[in-house]
Amino acid sequence: MVPRLWVPSVSDEGACKESGNKASSTKLPIPIPLKSGCQNGGVGSMRTGCVILADPHLGMLGGVHRLLESSFQTLVMVSDERSLTEAIEKIQPSLLVVDLSLSNSGEANIIQRLHSAHPNIPLVVLSVHDEPSVASVACASGAAGFVIKQNIGTELLPVVKSILRVEACNSSTKVDDV
């Protein structure tokens, strides 16, 4: 079973949960006990590496975790932008999967900031918006992929696999129709 690490949001008095749902109280900085796969990357192959999942909706985080757990060594979940930034600095992930609504400062802005700060970490954007223009803006801002949340069950893993093989903008929405 893939370790399930929960990084509490800054406002949480939450706990770090690993496989088996054992909870222990923690405060930031984030205690990440597993280093194998996270520090060494592993971008080219599945079942290695570390992925950070960032979504303000806890139910969605759990669903995305279940979809990706068989493909990666470690999945870290965060629910706000500050926790995401701290987790990236601590674990150097192979991939980021980020909800477009995570940012308070403008949707494309978070993608631009993440891509500028970490150009070598591919970023998959999740969104409830199915307009081709939203996918186009996300990809132009630095996203390597874009998946509409209603299609996440069938499209996330293929987009992720494609990105880890070829780092070009992959989208479940046709961006050339804009």
C-alpha atoms as a PDB file:
ATOM      1  CA  MET A   1       0.000   0.000   0.000  1.00  0.00           C
ATOM      2  CA  VAL A   2       1.214   3.493  -0.859  1.00  0.00           C
ATOM      3  CA  PRO A   3       2.016   5.661   2.148  1.00  0.00           C
ATOM      4  CA  ARG A   4      -0.742   8.199   2.567  1.00  0.00           C
ATOM      5  CA  LEU A   5       0.786  11.359   3.915  1.00  0.00           C
ATOM      6  CA  TRP A   6      -1.464  14.222   4.898  1.00  0.00           C
ATOM      7  CA  VAL A   7       0.107  17.615   5.223  1.00  0.00           C
ATOM      8  CA  PRO A   8      -2.212  19.753   7.313  1.00  0.00           C
ATOM      9  CA  SER A   9      -3.127  23.152   5.990  1.00  0.00           C
ATOM     10  CA  VAL A  10      -1.666  26.058   7.862  1.00  0.00           C
ATOM     11  CA  SER A  11      -4.964  26.672   9.631  1.00  0.00           C
ATOM     12  CA  ASP A  12      -5.404  22.998  10.579  1.00  0.00           C
ATOM     13  CA  GLU A  13      -4.559  21.588  13.947  1.00  0.00           C
ATOM     14  CA  GLY A  14      -4.560  18.379  11.871  1.00  0.00           C
ATOM     15  CA  ALA A  15      -2.473  15.286  11.958  1.00  0.00           C
ATOM     16  CA  CYS A  16      -0.054  13.556   9.661  1.00  0.00           C
ATOM     17  CA  LYS A  17      -1.758  10.379   8.500  1.00  0.00           C
ATOM     18  CA  GLU A  18       0.193   7.504   7.048  1.00  0.00           C
ATOM     19  CA  SER A  19      -0.985   4.128   5.804  1.00  0.00           C
ATOM     20  CA  GLY A  20      -3.204   2.479   8.365  1.00  0.00           C
ATOM     21  CA  ASN A  21      -4.716   5.885   9.196  1.00  0.00           C
ATOM     22  CA  LYS A  22      -2.588   6.243  12.314  1.00  0.00           C
ATOM     23  CA  ALA A  23      -2.629   9.861  13.356  1.00  0.00           C
ATOM     24  CA  SER A  24      -0.068  11.777  15.311  1.00  0.00           C
ATOM     25  CA  SER A  25      -0.255  15.447  16.108  1.00  0.00           C
ATOM     26  CA  THR A  26       2.172  17.565  14.140  1.00  0.00           C
ATOM     27  CA  LYS A  27       2.951  21.154  13.291  1.00  0.00           C
ATOM     28  CA  LEU A  28       4.675  22.534  10.237  1.00  0.00           C
ATOM     29  CA  PRO A  29       7.430  22.131   9.082  1.00  0.00           C
ATOM     30  CA  ILE A  30       6.119  19.027   7.424  1.00  0.00           C
ATOM     31  CA  PRO A  31       7.486  15.736   8.764  1.00  0.00           C
ATOM     32  CA  ILE A  32       8.012  13.549   5.692  1.00  0.00           C
ATOM     33  CA  PRO A  33       9.434  10.241   6.930  1.00  0.00           C
ATOM     34  CA  LEU A  34       9.891   8.624   3.509  1.00  0.00           C
ATOM     35  CA  LYS A  35      12.706   9.827   1.315  1.00  0.00           C
ATOM     36  CA  SER A  36      13.082   7.057  -1.256  1.00  0.00           C
ATOM     37  CA  GLY A  37      11.476   8.052  -4.516  1.00  0.00           C
ATOM     38  CA  CYS A  38      10.888  11.628  -3.404  1.00  0.00           C
ATOM     39  CA  GLN A  39      14.449  12.864  -3.391  1.00  0.00           C
ATOM     40  CA  ASN A  40      15.617  10.842  -6.387  1.00  0.00           C
ATOM     41  CA  GLY A  41      12.863  11.854  -8.790  1.00  0.00           C
ATOM     42  CA  GLY A  42      11.956   8.984 -11.058  1.00  0.00           C
ATOM     43  CA  VAL A  43      10.045  11.094 -13.555  1.00  0.00           C
ATOM     44  CA  GLY A  44      10.526   8.634 -16.410  1.00  0.00           C
ATOM     45  CA  SER A  45       9.077   5.573 -14.754  1.00  0.00           C
ATOM     46  CA  MET A  46       5.848   4.802 -12.963  1.00  0.00           C
ATOM     47  CA  ARG A  47       5.692   3.340  -9.434  1.00  0.00           C
ATOM     48  CA  THR A  48       8.580   5.524  -8.393  1.00  0.00           C
ATOM     49  CA  GLY A  49       8.724   9.098  -7.381  1.00  0.00           C
ATOM     50  CA  CYS A  50       6.600  11.331  -5.283  1.00  0.00           C
ATOM     51  CA  VAL A  51       3.476  13.250  -6.258  1.00  0.00           C
ATOM     52  CA  ILE A  52       1.927  16.165  -4.428  1.00  0.00           C
ATOM     53  CA  LEU A  53      -1.857  16.383  -4.717  1.00  0.00           C
ATOM     54  CA  ALA A  54      -3.243  19.845  -3.946  1.00  0.00           C
ATOM     55  CA  ASP A  55      -6.970  20.468  -3.714  1.00  0.00           C
ATOM     56  CA  PRO A  56      -9.052  22.420  -1.180  1.00  0.00           C
ATOM     57  CA  HIS A  57     -11.712  19.683  -1.304  1.00  0.00           C
ATOM     58  CA  LEU A  58     -10.738  16.773   0.946  1.00  0.00           C
ATOM     59  CA  GLY A  59     -13.056  14.325  -0.817  1.00  0.00           C
ATOM     60  CA  MET A  60     -11.381  15.075  -4.133  1.00  0.00           C
ATOM     61  CA  LEU A  61      -7.936  14.595  -2.577  1.00  0.00           C
ATOM     62  CA  GLY A  62      -8.945  11.119  -1.418  1.00  0.00           C
ATOM     63  CA  GLY A  63     -10.361  10.243  -4.829  1.00  0.00           C
ATOM     64  CA  VAL A  64      -7.255  11.390  -6.690  1.00  0.00           C
ATOM     65  CA  HIS A  65      -5.101   9.492  -4.189  1.00  0.00           C
ATOM     66  CA  ARG A  66      -7.017   6.283  -4.946  1.00  0.00           C
ATOM     67  CA  LEU A  67      -6.606   6.817  -8.693  1.00  0.00           C
ATOM     68  CA  LEU A  68      -2.835   7.309  -8.492  1.00  0.00           C
ATOM     69  CA  GLU A  69      -1.770   5.143  -5.549  1.00  0.00           C
ATOM     70  CA  SER A  70      -0.815   2.118  -7.653  1.00  0.00           C
ATOM     71  CA  SER A  71       1.400   4.229  -9.910  1.00  0.00           C
ATOM     72  CA  PHE A  72       3.578   6.113  -7.438  1.00  0.00           C
ATOM     73  CA  GLN A  73       5.691   5.325  -4.419  1.00  0.00           C
ATOM     74  CA  THR A  74       4.491   8.275  -2.333  1.00  0.00           C
ATOM     75  CA  LEU A  75       1.519  10.627  -2.574  1.00  0.00           C
ATOM     76  CA  VAL A  76       1.404  13.730  -0.401  1.00  0.00           C
ATOM     77  CA  MET A  77      -1.876  15.623  -0.019  1.00  0.00           C
ATOM     78  CA  VAL A  78      -2.228  19.323   0.784  1.00  0.00           C
ATOM     79  CA  SER A  79      -5.282  21.552   0.865  1.00  0.00           C
ATOM     80  CA  ASP A  80      -3.926  25.090   0.528  1.00  0.00           C
ATOM     81  CA  GLU A  81      -1.323  27.024  -1.418  1.00  0.00           C
ATOM     82  CA  ARG A  82       1.050  27.681   1.482  1.00  0.00           C
ATOM     83  CA  SER A  83       1.175  23.990   2.420  1.00  0.00           C
ATOM     84  CA  LEU A  84       1.791  23.157  -1.239  1.00  0.00           C
ATOM     85  CA  THR A  85       4.758  25.524  -1.401  1.00  0.00           C
ATOM     86  CA  GLU A  86       6.268  24.093   1.783  1.00  0.00           C
ATOM     87  CA  ALA A  87       5.739  20.496   0.647  1.00  0.00           C
ATOM     88  CA  ILE A  88       7.414  21.162  -2.716  1.00  0.00           C
ATOM     89  CA  GLU A  89      10.478  22.597  -0.985  1.00  0.00           C
ATOM     90  CA  LYS A  90      10.699  19.672   1.439  1.00  0.00           C
ATOM     91  CA  ILE A  91      10.233  16.698  -0.861  1.00  0.00           C
ATOM     92  CA  GLN A  92      11.099  17.759  -4.431  1.00  0.00           C
ATOM     93  CA  PRO A  93       8.258  15.803  -6.081  1.00  0.00           C
ATOM     94  CA  SER A  94       8.254  14.170  -9.506  1.00  0.00           C
ATOM     95  CA  LEU A  95       4.825  15.624 -10.311  1.00  0.00           C
ATOM     96  CA  LEU A  96       2.258  18.123  -9.032  1.00  0.00           C
ATOM     97  CA  VAL A  97      -1.499  17.614  -9.414  1.00  0.00           C
ATOM     98  CA  VAL A  98      -3.167  20.904  -8.500  1.00  0.00           C
ATOM     99  CA  ASP A  99      -6.781  22.095  -8.455  1.00  0.00           C
ATOM    100  CA  LEU A 100      -7.101  25.328 -10.395  1.00  0.00           C
ATOM    101  CA  SER A 101      -9.190  26.824  -7.567  1.00  0.00           C
ATOM    102  CA  LEU A 102      -6.438  26.352  -4.953  1.00  0.00           C
ATOM    103  CA  SER A 103      -5.195  29.917  -5.357  1.00  0.00           C
ATOM    104  CA  ASN A 104      -6.854  32.988  -3.929  1.00  0.00           C
ATOM    105  CA  SER A 105      -4.918  35.288  -6.241  1.00  0.00           C
ATOM    106  CA  GLY A 106      -6.219  34.243  -9.657  1.00  0.00           C
ATOM    107  CA  GLU A 107      -6.474  30.841 -11.232  1.00  0.00           C
ATOM    108  CA  ALA A 108      -3.736  31.065 -13.868  1.00  0.00           C
ATOM    109  CA  ASN A 109      -1.528  32.882 -11.378  1.00  0.00           C
ATOM    110  CA  ILE A 110      -0.852  29.786  -9.268  1.00  0.00           C
ATOM    111  CA  ILE A 111       0.195  27.856 -12.363  1.00  0.00           C
ATOM    112  CA  GLN A 112       2.566  30.614 -13.460  1.00  0.00           C
ATOM    113  CA  ARG A 113       4.081  30.902  -9.975  1.00  0.00           C
ATOM    114  CA  LEU A 114       4.569  27.159  -9.611  1.00  0.00           C
ATOM    115  CA  HIS A 115       6.013  26.796 -13.101  1.00  0.00           C
ATOM    116  CA  SER A 116       8.384  29.758 -12.602  1.00  0.00           C
ATOM    117  CA  ALA A 117       9.608  28.519  -9.235  1.00  0.00           C
ATOM    118  CA  HIS A 118       9.845  24.842 -10.251  1.00  0.00           C
ATOM    119  CA  PRO A 119      10.188  24.592 -14.043  1.00  0.00           C
ATOM    120  CA  ASN A 120      11.431  20.989 -13.902  1.00  0.00           C
ATOM    121  CA  ILE A 121       8.410  19.655 -12.012  1.00  0.00           C
ATOM    122  CA  PRO A 122       5.515  18.823 -14.354  1.00  0.00           C
ATOM    123  CA  LEU A 123       2.152  20.189 -13.259  1.00  0.00           C
ATOM    124  CA  VAL A 124      -1.269  18.689 -13.998  1.00  0.00           C
ATOM    125  CA  VAL A 125      -4.177  21.065 -13.469  1.00  0.00           C
ATOM    126  CA  LEU A 126      -7.587  19.826 -12.325  1.00  0.00           C
ATOM    127  CA  SER A 127     -10.643  21.990 -12.932  1.00  0.00           C
ATOM    128  CA  VAL A 128     -14.424  21.915 -12.932  1.00  0.00           C
ATOM    129  CA  HIS A 129     -14.319  24.277 -15.927  1.00  0.00           C
ATOM    130  CA  ASP A 130     -14.658  22.479 -19.254  1.00  0.00           C
ATOM    131  CA  GLU A 131     -14.182  25.454 -21.553  1.00  0.00           C
ATOM    132  CA  PRO A 132     -11.284  25.022 -24.008  1.00  0.00           C
ATOM    133  CA  SER A 133     -10.082  28.532 -23.162  1.00  0.00           C
ATOM    134  CA  VAL A 134      -9.481  27.517 -19.524  1.00  0.00           C
ATOM    135  CA  ALA A 135      -7.326  24.568 -20.619  1.00  0.00           C
ATOM    136  CA  SER A 136      -5.508  26.784 -23.106  1.00  0.00           C
ATOM    137  CA  VAL A 137      -4.690  29.413 -20.467  1.00  0.00           C
ATOM    138  CA  ALA A 138      -3.534  26.708 -18.026  1.00  0.00           C
ATOM    139  CA  CYS A 139      -1.200  25.189 -20.605  1.00  0.00           C
ATOM    140  CA  ALA A 140       0.088  28.599 -21.708  1.00  0.00           C
ATOM    141  CA  SER A 141       0.822  29.374 -18.037  1.00  0.00           C
ATOM    142  CA  GLY A 142       3.082  26.342 -17.711  1.00  0.00           C
ATOM    143  CA  ALA A 143       0.840  23.358 -16.999  1.00  0.00           C
ATOM    144  CA  ALA A 144       1.936  20.096 -18.587  1.00  0.00           C
ATOM    145  CA  GLY A 145      -1.604  18.739 -18.474  1.00  0.00           C
ATOM    146  CA  PHE A 146      -5.224  19.652 -17.830  1.00  0.00           C
ATOM    147  CA  VAL A 147      -8.040  17.343 -16.686  1.00  0.00           C
ATOM    148  CA  ILE A 148     -11.675  18.265 -16.175  1.00  0.00           C
ATOM    149  CA  LYS A 149     -12.809  16.958 -12.784  1.00  0.00           C
ATOM    150  CA  GLN A 150     -15.911  15.224 -14.142  1.00  0.00           C
ATOM    151  CA  ASN A 151     -13.586  13.113 -16.346  1.00  0.00           C
ATOM    152  CA  ILE A 152     -10.954  12.487 -13.705  1.00  0.00           C
ATOM    153  CA  GLY A 153     -11.710   8.775 -13.308  1.00  0.00           C
ATOM    154  CA  THR A 154     -10.954   7.985 -16.933  1.00  0.00           C
ATOM    155  CA  GLU A 155      -8.508  10.696 -17.945  1.00  0.00           C
ATOM    156  CA  LEU A 156      -6.177  11.551 -15.059  1.00  0.00           C
ATOM    157  CA  LEU A 157      -3.951   8.476 -15.132  1.00  0.00           C
ATOM    158  CA  PRO A 158      -3.499   8.467 -18.942  1.00  0.00           C
ATOM    159  CA  VAL A 159      -2.625  12.190 -18.892  1.00  0.00           C
ATOM    160  CA  VAL A 160      -0.163  11.655 -16.018  1.00  0.00           C
ATOM    161  CA  LYS A 161       1.494   8.705 -17.784  1.00  0.00           C
ATOM    162  CA  SER A 162       1.772  10.719 -20.981  1.00  0.00           C
ATOM    163  CA  ILE A 163       3.336  13.673 -19.161  1.00  0.00           C
ATOM    164  CA  LEU A 164       5.902  11.535 -17.418  1.00  0.00           C
ATOM    165  CA  ARG A 165       6.976  10.142 -20.788  1.00  0.00           C
ATOM    166  CA  VAL A 166       6.725  13.356 -22.832  1.00  0.00           C
ATOM    167  CA  GLU A 167       6.506  16.692 -21.067  1.00  0.00           C
ATOM    168  CA  ALA A 168       4.233  18.526 -23.504  1.00  0.00           C
ATOM    169  CA  CYS A 169       0.873  20.028 -22.647  1.00  0.00           C
ATOM    170  CA  ASN A 170      -1.653  17.204 -22.458  1.00  0.00           C
ATOM    171  CA  SER A 171      -5.308  17.978 -22.012  1.00  0.00           C
ATOM    172  CA  SER A 172      -8.575  16.149 -21.832  1.00  0.00           C
ATOM    173  CA  THR A 173     -10.054  19.281 -23.426  1.00  0.00           C
ATOM    174  CA  LYS A 174      -9.128  20.215 -26.975  1.00  0.00           C
ATOM    175  CA  VAL A 175      -7.218  23.471 -26.740  1.00  0.00           C
ATOM    176  CA  ASP A 176      -6.906  23.953 -30.498  1.00  0.00           C
ATOM    177  CA  ASP A 177     -10.645  24.678 -30.724  1.00  0.00           C
ATOM    178  CA  VAL A 178     -10.128  28.079 -29.095  1.00  0.00           C
END
